[in-house]
N, C-alpha and C. Protein backbone atom coordinates (compact mmCIF):
# COMPACT_ATOMS: atom_id res chain seq x y z
N UNK A 1 39.56 -35.48 37.07
CA UNK A 1 38.44 -34.87 36.29
C UNK A 1 37.93 -35.89 35.32
N UNK A 2 36.59 -35.93 35.23
CA UNK A 2 35.88 -36.86 34.38
C UNK A 2 35.89 -36.25 32.92
N UNK A 3 36.42 -37.06 31.97
CA UNK A 3 36.32 -36.54 30.55
C UNK A 3 34.98 -36.71 29.93
N UNK A 4 34.37 -35.63 29.46
CA UNK A 4 33.00 -35.79 28.91
C UNK A 4 33.08 -36.46 27.52
N UNK A 5 31.92 -37.14 27.12
CA UNK A 5 31.90 -37.67 25.77
C UNK A 5 31.85 -36.56 24.74
N UNK A 6 32.19 -36.91 23.49
CA UNK A 6 32.11 -35.93 22.40
C UNK A 6 30.59 -35.69 22.09
N UNK A 7 30.20 -34.59 21.56
CA UNK A 7 28.78 -34.30 21.27
C UNK A 7 28.28 -35.39 20.44
N UNK A 8 27.02 -35.84 20.82
CA UNK A 8 26.36 -36.89 20.07
C UNK A 8 26.69 -38.27 20.54
N UNK A 9 27.66 -38.44 21.34
CA UNK A 9 28.00 -39.70 21.89
C UNK A 9 27.37 -39.97 23.27
N UNK A 10 26.76 -41.11 23.46
CA UNK A 10 26.30 -41.36 24.80
C UNK A 10 25.26 -40.47 25.31
N UNK A 11 24.52 -39.83 24.53
CA UNK A 11 23.43 -38.95 24.92
C UNK A 11 22.35 -39.78 25.63
N UNK A 12 21.80 -39.23 26.78
CA UNK A 12 20.73 -39.90 27.42
C UNK A 12 19.41 -39.60 26.74
N UNK A 13 18.81 -40.60 26.25
CA UNK A 13 17.56 -40.40 25.37
C UNK A 13 16.31 -40.44 26.33
N UNK A 14 16.39 -41.06 27.45
CA UNK A 14 15.28 -41.18 28.39
C UNK A 14 15.76 -41.76 29.71
N UNK A 15 15.06 -41.38 30.78
CA UNK A 15 15.39 -41.91 32.11
C UNK A 15 14.10 -42.30 32.84
N UNK A 16 14.15 -43.52 33.49
CA UNK A 16 13.07 -44.01 34.30
C UNK A 16 13.58 -44.28 35.70
N UNK A 17 12.97 -43.64 36.74
CA UNK A 17 13.40 -43.96 38.10
C UNK A 17 12.69 -45.24 38.56
N UNK A 18 13.58 -46.19 38.93
CA UNK A 18 13.11 -47.52 39.37
C UNK A 18 12.91 -47.52 40.88
N UNK A 19 13.77 -46.88 41.58
CA UNK A 19 13.76 -46.96 43.03
C UNK A 19 14.36 -45.66 43.58
N UNK A 20 13.74 -45.08 44.62
CA UNK A 20 14.31 -43.94 45.26
C UNK A 20 14.40 -44.24 46.78
N UNK A 21 15.62 -44.42 47.34
CA UNK A 21 15.77 -44.71 48.76
C UNK A 21 16.39 -43.59 49.60
N UNK A 22 16.65 -43.88 50.79
CA UNK A 22 17.27 -42.97 51.69
C UNK A 22 18.67 -42.43 51.26
N UNK A 23 19.45 -43.41 50.64
CA UNK A 23 20.78 -42.96 50.17
C UNK A 23 20.89 -43.03 48.70
N UNK A 24 20.38 -44.01 48.05
CA UNK A 24 20.58 -44.24 46.62
C UNK A 24 19.31 -44.05 45.88
N UNK A 25 19.51 -43.80 44.54
CA UNK A 25 18.34 -43.78 43.57
C UNK A 25 18.84 -44.68 42.36
N UNK A 26 17.93 -45.58 42.01
CA UNK A 26 18.27 -46.44 40.86
C UNK A 26 17.40 -45.99 39.70
N UNK A 27 18.13 -45.74 38.62
CA UNK A 27 17.40 -45.29 37.32
C UNK A 27 17.75 -46.21 36.22
N UNK A 28 16.85 -46.26 35.24
CA UNK A 28 17.20 -46.84 33.93
C UNK A 28 17.38 -45.81 32.86
N UNK A 29 18.60 -45.70 32.33
CA UNK A 29 18.77 -44.71 31.27
C UNK A 29 18.87 -45.39 29.89
N UNK A 30 18.21 -44.84 28.92
CA UNK A 30 18.35 -45.30 27.57
C UNK A 30 19.41 -44.33 26.93
N UNK A 31 20.53 -44.94 26.44
CA UNK A 31 21.62 -44.17 25.96
C UNK A 31 21.98 -44.43 24.54
N UNK A 32 22.16 -43.34 23.79
CA UNK A 32 22.63 -43.42 22.43
C UNK A 32 24.00 -43.97 22.35
N UNK A 33 24.31 -44.96 21.45
CA UNK A 33 25.63 -45.52 21.33
C UNK A 33 26.30 -44.85 20.17
N UNK A 34 27.68 -44.72 20.27
CA UNK A 34 28.34 -44.05 19.19
C UNK A 34 28.32 -44.75 17.84
N UNK A 35 28.18 -46.04 17.82
CA UNK A 35 28.15 -46.82 16.62
C UNK A 35 26.75 -46.89 16.08
N UNK A 36 25.81 -46.26 16.69
CA UNK A 36 24.36 -46.25 16.21
C UNK A 36 23.49 -47.18 17.19
N UNK A 37 22.31 -46.85 17.22
CA UNK A 37 21.36 -47.54 18.08
C UNK A 37 21.47 -47.03 19.46
N UNK A 38 20.73 -47.74 20.42
CA UNK A 38 20.78 -47.28 21.78
C UNK A 38 20.85 -48.50 22.72
N UNK A 39 21.13 -48.26 24.00
CA UNK A 39 21.22 -49.36 24.91
C UNK A 39 20.65 -48.88 26.27
N UNK A 40 20.19 -49.81 27.08
CA UNK A 40 19.67 -49.48 28.42
C UNK A 40 20.80 -49.67 29.45
N UNK A 41 20.97 -48.72 30.37
CA UNK A 41 21.92 -48.80 31.41
C UNK A 41 21.25 -48.55 32.81
N UNK A 42 21.47 -49.45 33.74
CA UNK A 42 21.00 -49.30 35.08
C UNK A 42 22.04 -48.52 35.85
N UNK A 43 21.68 -47.40 36.46
CA UNK A 43 22.57 -46.45 37.14
C UNK A 43 22.15 -46.25 38.60
N UNK A 44 23.07 -46.37 39.50
CA UNK A 44 22.82 -45.99 40.93
C UNK A 44 23.40 -44.68 41.15
N UNK A 45 22.53 -43.72 41.49
CA UNK A 45 22.96 -42.40 41.86
C UNK A 45 23.25 -42.36 43.35
N UNK A 46 24.41 -41.83 43.77
CA UNK A 46 24.84 -41.89 45.13
C UNK A 46 25.41 -40.51 45.51
N UNK A 47 25.23 -40.06 46.73
CA UNK A 47 25.64 -38.69 47.13
C UNK A 47 27.23 -38.47 47.21
N UNK A 48 27.86 -39.58 47.20
CA UNK A 48 29.37 -39.51 47.32
C UNK A 48 29.77 -39.78 48.80
N UNK A 49 31.11 -39.89 49.01
CA UNK A 49 31.53 -40.23 50.31
C UNK A 49 32.93 -39.67 50.52
N UNK A 50 33.43 -39.70 51.73
CA UNK A 50 34.80 -39.35 52.12
C UNK A 50 35.45 -40.48 52.94
N UNK A 51 36.72 -40.65 52.87
CA UNK A 51 37.49 -41.54 53.71
C UNK A 51 38.66 -40.82 54.18
N UNK A 52 39.18 -41.32 55.34
CA UNK A 52 40.29 -40.53 56.02
C UNK A 52 41.38 -41.53 56.32
N UNK A 53 42.64 -41.28 55.75
CA UNK A 53 43.83 -41.97 56.25
C UNK A 53 44.34 -41.16 57.32
N UNK A 54 44.07 -41.59 58.61
CA UNK A 54 44.52 -40.81 59.77
C UNK A 54 45.82 -41.49 60.21
N UNK A 55 46.96 -40.70 60.09
CA UNK A 55 48.22 -41.23 60.42
C UNK A 55 48.81 -40.52 61.74
N UNK A 56 49.09 -41.26 62.71
CA UNK A 56 49.61 -40.68 63.91
C UNK A 56 51.15 -40.37 63.78
N UNK A 57 51.67 -39.74 64.83
CA UNK A 57 53.10 -39.26 64.77
C UNK A 57 54.02 -40.48 64.73
N UNK A 58 53.55 -41.71 65.13
CA UNK A 58 54.43 -42.94 65.02
C UNK A 58 54.31 -43.65 63.63
N UNK A 59 53.47 -43.01 62.77
CA UNK A 59 53.28 -43.66 61.42
C UNK A 59 52.31 -44.76 61.35
N UNK A 60 51.39 -44.79 62.38
CA UNK A 60 50.34 -45.84 62.39
C UNK A 60 49.04 -45.27 61.75
N UNK A 61 48.33 -46.07 61.05
CA UNK A 61 47.04 -45.63 60.52
C UNK A 61 45.97 -46.20 61.31
N UNK A 62 44.90 -45.39 61.40
CA UNK A 62 43.69 -45.72 62.22
C UNK A 62 42.70 -46.52 61.42
N UNK A 63 42.44 -47.73 61.79
CA UNK A 63 41.49 -48.62 61.04
C UNK A 63 40.31 -49.00 62.00
N UNK A 64 39.19 -49.24 61.26
CA UNK A 64 37.92 -49.65 61.93
C UNK A 64 37.57 -50.96 61.40
N UNK A 65 37.08 -51.78 62.33
CA UNK A 65 36.42 -53.12 61.89
C UNK A 65 34.94 -52.97 62.07
N UNK A 66 34.23 -53.02 60.95
CA UNK A 66 32.79 -52.71 60.93
C UNK A 66 32.02 -53.82 60.15
N UNK A 67 30.86 -54.15 60.61
CA UNK A 67 30.00 -55.08 59.90
C UNK A 67 29.37 -54.37 58.70
N UNK A 68 29.44 -55.08 57.53
CA UNK A 68 28.84 -54.58 56.31
C UNK A 68 27.85 -55.67 55.76
N UNK A 69 26.59 -55.35 55.97
CA UNK A 69 25.54 -56.34 55.58
C UNK A 69 25.65 -56.79 54.09
N UNK A 70 25.90 -56.00 53.10
CA UNK A 70 25.88 -56.55 51.73
C UNK A 70 26.89 -57.62 51.51
N UNK A 71 27.97 -57.66 52.27
CA UNK A 71 29.01 -58.71 52.12
C UNK A 71 28.89 -59.80 53.18
N UNK A 72 27.97 -59.52 54.09
CA UNK A 72 27.69 -60.53 55.19
C UNK A 72 28.87 -60.70 56.20
N UNK A 73 29.63 -59.70 56.41
CA UNK A 73 30.72 -59.92 57.38
C UNK A 73 31.37 -58.52 57.70
N UNK A 74 32.49 -58.63 58.49
CA UNK A 74 33.17 -57.49 58.98
C UNK A 74 34.31 -57.12 58.06
N UNK A 75 34.53 -55.86 57.86
CA UNK A 75 35.61 -55.36 56.97
C UNK A 75 36.46 -54.37 57.76
N UNK A 76 37.79 -54.41 57.50
CA UNK A 76 38.65 -53.35 58.05
C UNK A 76 38.61 -52.19 57.11
N UNK A 77 38.36 -50.98 57.64
CA UNK A 77 38.11 -49.84 56.80
C UNK A 77 38.83 -48.62 57.43
N UNK A 78 38.83 -47.53 56.70
CA UNK A 78 39.22 -46.21 57.18
C UNK A 78 37.97 -45.50 57.81
N UNK A 79 38.21 -44.54 58.69
CA UNK A 79 37.02 -43.69 59.04
C UNK A 79 36.47 -43.06 57.74
N UNK A 80 35.18 -43.10 57.61
CA UNK A 80 34.56 -42.74 56.31
C UNK A 80 33.12 -42.39 56.58
N UNK A 81 32.52 -41.78 55.59
CA UNK A 81 31.10 -41.52 55.66
C UNK A 81 30.45 -40.86 54.38
N UNK A 82 29.19 -40.95 54.31
CA UNK A 82 28.44 -40.35 53.18
C UNK A 82 28.48 -38.83 53.19
N UNK A 83 28.50 -38.21 52.01
CA UNK A 83 28.36 -36.84 51.85
C UNK A 83 26.82 -36.54 51.68
N UNK A 84 26.11 -36.81 52.79
CA UNK A 84 24.70 -36.66 52.81
C UNK A 84 24.14 -35.49 53.56
N UNK A 85 25.07 -34.60 54.03
CA UNK A 85 24.69 -33.36 54.75
C UNK A 85 24.63 -32.27 53.77
N UNK A 86 23.48 -31.71 53.44
CA UNK A 86 23.25 -30.74 52.40
C UNK A 86 24.22 -29.54 52.60
N UNK A 87 24.96 -29.24 51.56
CA UNK A 87 25.82 -28.03 51.59
C UNK A 87 27.13 -28.18 52.34
N UNK A 88 27.42 -29.34 52.96
CA UNK A 88 28.62 -29.53 53.74
C UNK A 88 29.78 -29.79 52.79
N UNK A 89 30.79 -28.96 52.88
CA UNK A 89 32.02 -29.20 52.08
C UNK A 89 32.61 -30.59 52.39
N UNK A 90 33.15 -31.30 51.39
CA UNK A 90 33.70 -32.65 51.75
C UNK A 90 34.77 -32.67 52.72
N UNK A 91 35.63 -31.64 52.84
CA UNK A 91 36.68 -31.62 53.88
C UNK A 91 36.00 -31.54 55.28
N UNK A 92 34.92 -30.76 55.41
CA UNK A 92 34.20 -30.69 56.69
C UNK A 92 33.59 -31.99 57.06
N UNK A 93 33.03 -32.72 56.02
CA UNK A 93 32.53 -34.09 56.20
C UNK A 93 33.57 -34.96 56.71
N UNK A 94 34.75 -34.95 56.15
CA UNK A 94 35.85 -35.79 56.59
C UNK A 94 36.26 -35.52 58.06
N UNK A 95 36.32 -34.17 58.38
CA UNK A 95 36.67 -33.77 59.78
C UNK A 95 35.53 -34.33 60.74
N UNK A 96 34.26 -34.20 60.34
CA UNK A 96 33.19 -34.61 61.18
C UNK A 96 33.26 -36.21 61.37
N UNK A 97 33.43 -36.89 60.25
CA UNK A 97 33.50 -38.32 60.39
C UNK A 97 34.59 -38.84 61.22
N UNK A 98 35.82 -38.18 61.13
CA UNK A 98 36.91 -38.56 61.97
C UNK A 98 36.58 -38.39 63.46
N UNK A 99 35.92 -37.31 63.77
CA UNK A 99 35.53 -37.11 65.15
C UNK A 99 34.43 -38.05 65.62
N UNK A 100 33.44 -38.30 64.78
CA UNK A 100 32.26 -39.16 65.11
C UNK A 100 32.78 -40.59 65.29
N UNK A 101 33.58 -41.12 64.43
CA UNK A 101 33.92 -42.57 64.36
C UNK A 101 35.06 -42.92 65.30
N UNK A 102 36.08 -42.04 65.45
CA UNK A 102 37.27 -42.43 66.25
C UNK A 102 37.67 -41.40 67.27
N UNK A 103 36.86 -40.33 67.34
CA UNK A 103 37.12 -39.23 68.38
C UNK A 103 38.52 -38.66 68.12
N UNK A 104 38.88 -38.28 66.96
CA UNK A 104 40.07 -37.65 66.64
C UNK A 104 39.91 -36.37 65.83
N UNK A 105 40.81 -35.51 65.93
CA UNK A 105 40.95 -34.26 65.14
C UNK A 105 42.27 -34.32 64.49
N UNK A 106 42.50 -33.45 63.44
CA UNK A 106 43.86 -33.45 62.88
C UNK A 106 44.25 -31.99 62.60
N UNK A 107 45.60 -31.76 62.76
CA UNK A 107 46.16 -30.42 62.43
C UNK A 107 46.38 -30.19 60.92
N UNK A 108 46.66 -31.24 60.23
CA UNK A 108 47.05 -31.10 58.78
C UNK A 108 46.22 -32.02 57.97
N UNK A 109 45.61 -31.42 56.92
CA UNK A 109 44.76 -32.25 56.00
C UNK A 109 45.36 -32.12 54.57
N UNK A 110 45.30 -33.27 53.82
CA UNK A 110 45.70 -33.27 52.44
C UNK A 110 44.68 -34.11 51.68
N UNK A 111 44.42 -33.79 50.45
CA UNK A 111 43.58 -34.63 49.58
C UNK A 111 44.55 -35.57 48.87
N UNK A 112 44.48 -36.95 49.23
CA UNK A 112 45.34 -37.94 48.65
C UNK A 112 44.91 -38.25 47.23
N UNK A 113 43.60 -38.63 47.10
CA UNK A 113 43.08 -39.01 45.83
C UNK A 113 41.63 -39.02 45.82
N UNK A 114 41.02 -39.14 44.63
CA UNK A 114 39.58 -39.38 44.42
C UNK A 114 39.43 -40.59 43.63
N UNK A 115 38.28 -41.29 43.90
CA UNK A 115 38.07 -42.43 43.15
C UNK A 115 36.50 -42.75 42.94
N UNK A 116 36.24 -43.22 41.81
CA UNK A 116 34.80 -43.72 41.49
C UNK A 116 34.88 -45.13 41.98
N UNK A 117 34.03 -45.46 42.93
CA UNK A 117 34.08 -46.81 43.65
C UNK A 117 33.71 -47.89 42.66
N UNK A 118 32.57 -47.72 41.98
CA UNK A 118 32.16 -48.81 41.07
C UNK A 118 31.54 -48.15 39.77
N UNK A 119 32.28 -47.56 38.92
CA UNK A 119 31.78 -46.78 37.79
C UNK A 119 30.98 -47.62 36.78
N UNK A 120 30.99 -48.87 36.84
CA UNK A 120 30.29 -49.66 35.86
C UNK A 120 28.74 -49.50 36.04
N UNK A 121 28.33 -49.10 37.33
CA UNK A 121 26.82 -48.91 37.52
C UNK A 121 26.55 -47.90 38.45
N UNK A 122 27.53 -47.30 39.13
CA UNK A 122 27.22 -46.24 40.16
C UNK A 122 28.14 -45.05 40.02
N UNK A 123 27.59 -43.80 40.37
CA UNK A 123 28.33 -42.59 40.19
C UNK A 123 29.00 -42.09 41.48
N UNK A 124 29.11 -43.05 42.48
CA UNK A 124 29.69 -42.65 43.79
C UNK A 124 31.12 -42.24 43.59
N UNK A 125 31.47 -40.97 44.11
CA UNK A 125 32.83 -40.45 44.05
C UNK A 125 33.21 -40.39 45.54
N UNK A 126 34.46 -41.00 45.84
CA UNK A 126 34.96 -40.93 47.17
C UNK A 126 36.18 -40.13 47.22
N UNK A 127 36.23 -39.17 48.08
CA UNK A 127 37.44 -38.28 48.23
C UNK A 127 38.22 -38.86 49.43
N UNK A 128 39.46 -39.24 49.25
CA UNK A 128 40.31 -39.82 50.28
C UNK A 128 41.30 -38.82 50.82
N UNK A 129 41.15 -38.49 52.02
CA UNK A 129 42.01 -37.49 52.71
C UNK A 129 43.14 -38.09 53.55
N UNK A 130 44.17 -37.43 53.69
CA UNK A 130 45.26 -37.76 54.64
C UNK A 130 45.19 -36.76 55.80
N UNK A 131 45.01 -37.28 57.03
CA UNK A 131 44.98 -36.53 58.17
C UNK A 131 46.18 -36.76 59.08
N UNK A 132 46.89 -35.70 59.47
CA UNK A 132 48.13 -35.83 60.27
C UNK A 132 48.06 -34.87 61.44
N UNK A 133 48.93 -35.05 62.42
CA UNK A 133 48.85 -34.23 63.64
C UNK A 133 47.63 -34.52 64.43
N UNK A 134 47.34 -35.81 64.75
CA UNK A 134 46.18 -36.21 65.42
C UNK A 134 46.11 -35.82 66.84
N UNK A 135 44.86 -35.56 67.31
CA UNK A 135 44.62 -35.27 68.75
C UNK A 135 43.29 -35.84 69.09
N UNK A 136 43.05 -36.10 70.35
CA UNK A 136 41.77 -36.62 70.82
C UNK A 136 40.77 -35.50 70.97
N UNK A 137 39.55 -35.85 70.50
CA UNK A 137 38.43 -34.90 70.68
C UNK A 137 37.15 -35.76 71.09
N UNK A 138 36.19 -35.02 71.61
CA UNK A 138 34.91 -35.66 71.87
C UNK A 138 34.06 -35.72 70.60
N UNK A 139 33.11 -36.66 70.60
CA UNK A 139 32.22 -36.71 69.48
C UNK A 139 31.33 -35.46 69.36
N UNK A 140 30.97 -34.99 68.14
CA UNK A 140 30.18 -33.87 68.00
C UNK A 140 28.88 -33.90 68.80
N UNK A 141 28.44 -32.69 69.17
CA UNK A 141 27.12 -32.63 69.96
C UNK A 141 26.02 -33.23 68.99
N UNK A 142 25.15 -33.99 69.60
CA UNK A 142 24.03 -34.52 68.87
C UNK A 142 24.27 -35.87 68.09
N UNK A 143 25.54 -36.31 68.13
CA UNK A 143 25.84 -37.50 67.42
C UNK A 143 25.64 -38.72 68.35
N UNK A 144 24.97 -39.69 67.84
CA UNK A 144 24.66 -40.88 68.70
C UNK A 144 25.29 -42.09 67.94
N UNK A 145 26.01 -42.91 68.69
CA UNK A 145 26.57 -44.19 68.13
C UNK A 145 25.43 -45.20 68.16
N UNK A 146 25.14 -45.72 67.00
CA UNK A 146 24.06 -46.69 66.82
C UNK A 146 24.32 -47.73 65.72
N UNK A 147 23.46 -48.72 65.71
CA UNK A 147 23.50 -49.71 64.67
C UNK A 147 24.90 -50.39 64.59
N UNK A 148 25.45 -50.56 63.36
CA UNK A 148 26.72 -51.19 63.12
C UNK A 148 27.87 -50.55 63.86
N UNK A 149 27.72 -49.33 64.17
CA UNK A 149 28.85 -48.63 64.85
C UNK A 149 28.90 -49.05 66.36
N UNK A 150 27.92 -49.69 66.85
CA UNK A 150 27.95 -50.08 68.28
C UNK A 150 29.00 -51.10 68.57
N UNK A 151 29.31 -51.95 67.61
CA UNK A 151 30.28 -52.99 67.90
C UNK A 151 31.64 -52.79 67.07
N UNK A 152 31.78 -51.53 66.62
CA UNK A 152 32.94 -51.25 65.74
C UNK A 152 34.25 -51.31 66.62
N UNK A 153 35.25 -51.88 66.12
CA UNK A 153 36.57 -51.88 66.76
C UNK A 153 37.49 -50.84 66.10
N UNK A 154 38.28 -50.23 66.87
CA UNK A 154 39.31 -49.24 66.35
C UNK A 154 40.69 -49.80 66.67
N UNK A 155 41.60 -49.70 65.71
CA UNK A 155 42.93 -50.26 65.91
C UNK A 155 43.82 -49.31 65.18
N UNK A 156 45.07 -49.12 65.75
CA UNK A 156 46.09 -48.40 65.04
C UNK A 156 47.18 -49.36 64.64
N UNK A 157 47.50 -49.27 63.34
CA UNK A 157 48.33 -50.27 62.63
C UNK A 157 49.45 -49.61 61.95
N UNK A 158 50.78 -49.94 62.16
CA UNK A 158 51.78 -49.32 61.36
C UNK A 158 51.51 -49.36 59.87
N UNK A 159 51.78 -48.26 59.22
CA UNK A 159 51.34 -48.12 57.83
C UNK A 159 51.89 -49.32 56.95
N UNK A 160 53.15 -49.72 57.23
CA UNK A 160 53.69 -50.83 56.43
C UNK A 160 52.94 -52.07 56.66
N UNK A 161 52.39 -52.32 57.89
CA UNK A 161 51.67 -53.50 58.21
C UNK A 161 50.32 -53.43 57.54
N UNK A 162 49.71 -52.18 57.45
CA UNK A 162 48.43 -51.98 56.80
C UNK A 162 48.58 -52.27 55.26
N UNK A 163 49.75 -51.91 54.65
CA UNK A 163 49.95 -52.17 53.29
C UNK A 163 50.01 -53.71 53.11
N UNK A 164 50.69 -54.41 54.01
CA UNK A 164 50.81 -55.85 53.90
C UNK A 164 49.38 -56.53 54.01
N UNK A 165 48.57 -55.94 54.92
CA UNK A 165 47.30 -56.50 55.10
C UNK A 165 46.36 -56.33 53.74
N UNK A 166 46.72 -55.22 52.98
CA UNK A 166 46.12 -55.11 51.64
C UNK A 166 46.50 -56.27 50.79
N UNK A 167 47.80 -56.56 50.74
CA UNK A 167 48.21 -57.67 49.85
C UNK A 167 47.87 -59.03 50.43
N UNK A 168 47.66 -59.20 51.69
CA UNK A 168 47.18 -60.44 52.33
C UNK A 168 45.79 -60.69 52.06
N UNK A 169 45.02 -59.68 51.67
CA UNK A 169 43.60 -59.80 51.45
C UNK A 169 42.73 -59.56 52.74
N UNK A 170 43.35 -59.12 53.83
CA UNK A 170 42.56 -58.88 54.96
C UNK A 170 42.01 -57.49 55.03
N UNK A 171 42.45 -56.55 54.19
CA UNK A 171 41.87 -55.23 54.00
C UNK A 171 41.35 -55.27 52.50
N UNK A 172 40.05 -55.28 52.35
CA UNK A 172 39.41 -55.33 51.02
C UNK A 172 38.45 -54.28 50.71
N UNK A 173 38.12 -53.39 51.67
CA UNK A 173 37.36 -52.23 51.41
C UNK A 173 38.04 -51.39 50.43
N UNK A 174 37.43 -50.92 49.27
CA UNK A 174 38.12 -50.24 48.22
C UNK A 174 38.75 -48.94 48.66
N UNK A 175 38.01 -48.11 49.39
CA UNK A 175 38.59 -46.89 49.85
C UNK A 175 39.75 -47.05 50.78
N UNK A 176 39.72 -48.09 51.57
CA UNK A 176 40.82 -48.41 52.42
C UNK A 176 42.05 -48.85 51.67
N UNK A 177 41.89 -49.72 50.73
CA UNK A 177 42.97 -50.22 49.89
C UNK A 177 43.62 -49.09 49.17
N UNK A 178 42.85 -48.22 48.54
CA UNK A 178 43.30 -47.14 47.76
C UNK A 178 43.94 -46.11 48.70
N UNK A 179 43.37 -45.77 49.80
CA UNK A 179 43.90 -44.76 50.74
C UNK A 179 45.16 -45.23 51.34
N UNK A 180 45.29 -46.49 51.78
CA UNK A 180 46.47 -46.96 52.42
C UNK A 180 47.67 -47.01 51.44
N UNK A 181 47.38 -47.55 50.24
CA UNK A 181 48.49 -47.60 49.24
C UNK A 181 48.89 -46.13 48.76
N UNK A 182 47.98 -45.24 48.70
CA UNK A 182 48.25 -43.92 48.31
C UNK A 182 49.00 -43.17 49.39
N UNK A 183 48.71 -43.44 50.71
CA UNK A 183 49.47 -42.80 51.73
C UNK A 183 50.88 -43.39 51.74
N UNK A 184 51.02 -44.66 51.54
CA UNK A 184 52.35 -45.20 51.60
C UNK A 184 53.30 -44.67 50.42
N UNK A 185 52.60 -44.54 49.26
CA UNK A 185 53.38 -43.93 48.17
C UNK A 185 53.68 -42.46 48.37
N UNK A 186 52.74 -41.76 48.94
CA UNK A 186 52.98 -40.32 49.34
C UNK A 186 54.17 -40.21 50.30
N UNK A 187 54.18 -41.08 51.20
CA UNK A 187 55.23 -41.07 52.25
C UNK A 187 56.64 -41.40 51.56
N UNK A 188 56.57 -42.28 50.63
CA UNK A 188 57.82 -42.71 49.94
C UNK A 188 58.34 -41.85 48.92
N UNK A 189 57.45 -41.20 48.15
CA UNK A 189 57.85 -40.49 46.94
C UNK A 189 57.49 -39.01 46.94
N UNK A 190 56.61 -38.59 47.86
CA UNK A 190 56.17 -37.19 47.96
C UNK A 190 55.70 -36.59 46.63
N UNK A 191 54.68 -37.30 45.96
CA UNK A 191 54.14 -36.69 44.71
C UNK A 191 53.42 -35.46 45.05
N UNK A 192 53.21 -34.56 44.07
CA UNK A 192 52.41 -33.30 44.25
C UNK A 192 51.01 -33.66 44.39
N UNK A 193 50.36 -33.16 45.45
CA UNK A 193 48.90 -33.35 45.65
C UNK A 193 48.10 -32.22 45.28
N UNK A 194 46.87 -32.48 44.91
CA UNK A 194 45.92 -31.39 44.59
C UNK A 194 45.61 -30.59 45.82
N UNK A 195 45.01 -29.38 45.60
CA UNK A 195 44.59 -28.63 46.73
C UNK A 195 43.52 -29.39 47.56
N UNK A 196 43.64 -29.16 48.85
CA UNK A 196 42.74 -29.95 49.78
C UNK A 196 41.25 -29.76 49.47
N UNK A 197 40.87 -28.65 48.78
CA UNK A 197 39.45 -28.43 48.52
C UNK A 197 39.09 -28.76 47.06
N UNK A 198 39.97 -29.44 46.40
CA UNK A 198 39.74 -29.95 44.99
C UNK A 198 38.73 -31.11 45.10
N UNK A 199 38.21 -31.50 43.96
CA UNK A 199 37.29 -32.68 43.98
C UNK A 199 37.58 -33.56 42.74
């Protein structure tokens, strides 16, 4: 849960929309500073996302290799997607993305963790789920594989090997790093998780 500022601290004095795109909106906020005066902050508003650590019965995690244009190369990632479907609960988004990207469904779902991906300038919140009891399903009706997903590779990797890939630097996507390490810790220590519908 995000801790709110105390009254009078960091109040937004004004907002100017710089850019409104299909996914993001860039604004300039003028913000009151607690020591006096104000400062300008550029903020990217984002609808949020989900990511899924899909673990099979052998303890392997499902990974995707996908081209990411901003970094100019391919990254190993978890099945994931934007929360851009109006009114769709995040768990349903996670289930849909798992089916769309890797044609899997899961019997058991847990909320592993939530993370602000880049809170220095963006409000994107990513909910990372653990999916277990995997089974094959078809892609949802109306879904079309296109663009970067056309050459996406899917691989199942033992969880311990995925953890090592994090430390080797071959898995660098933030949600994947966080999700893989959280899943490994959950398997090792069984910490208490929040309800699956928490945010």
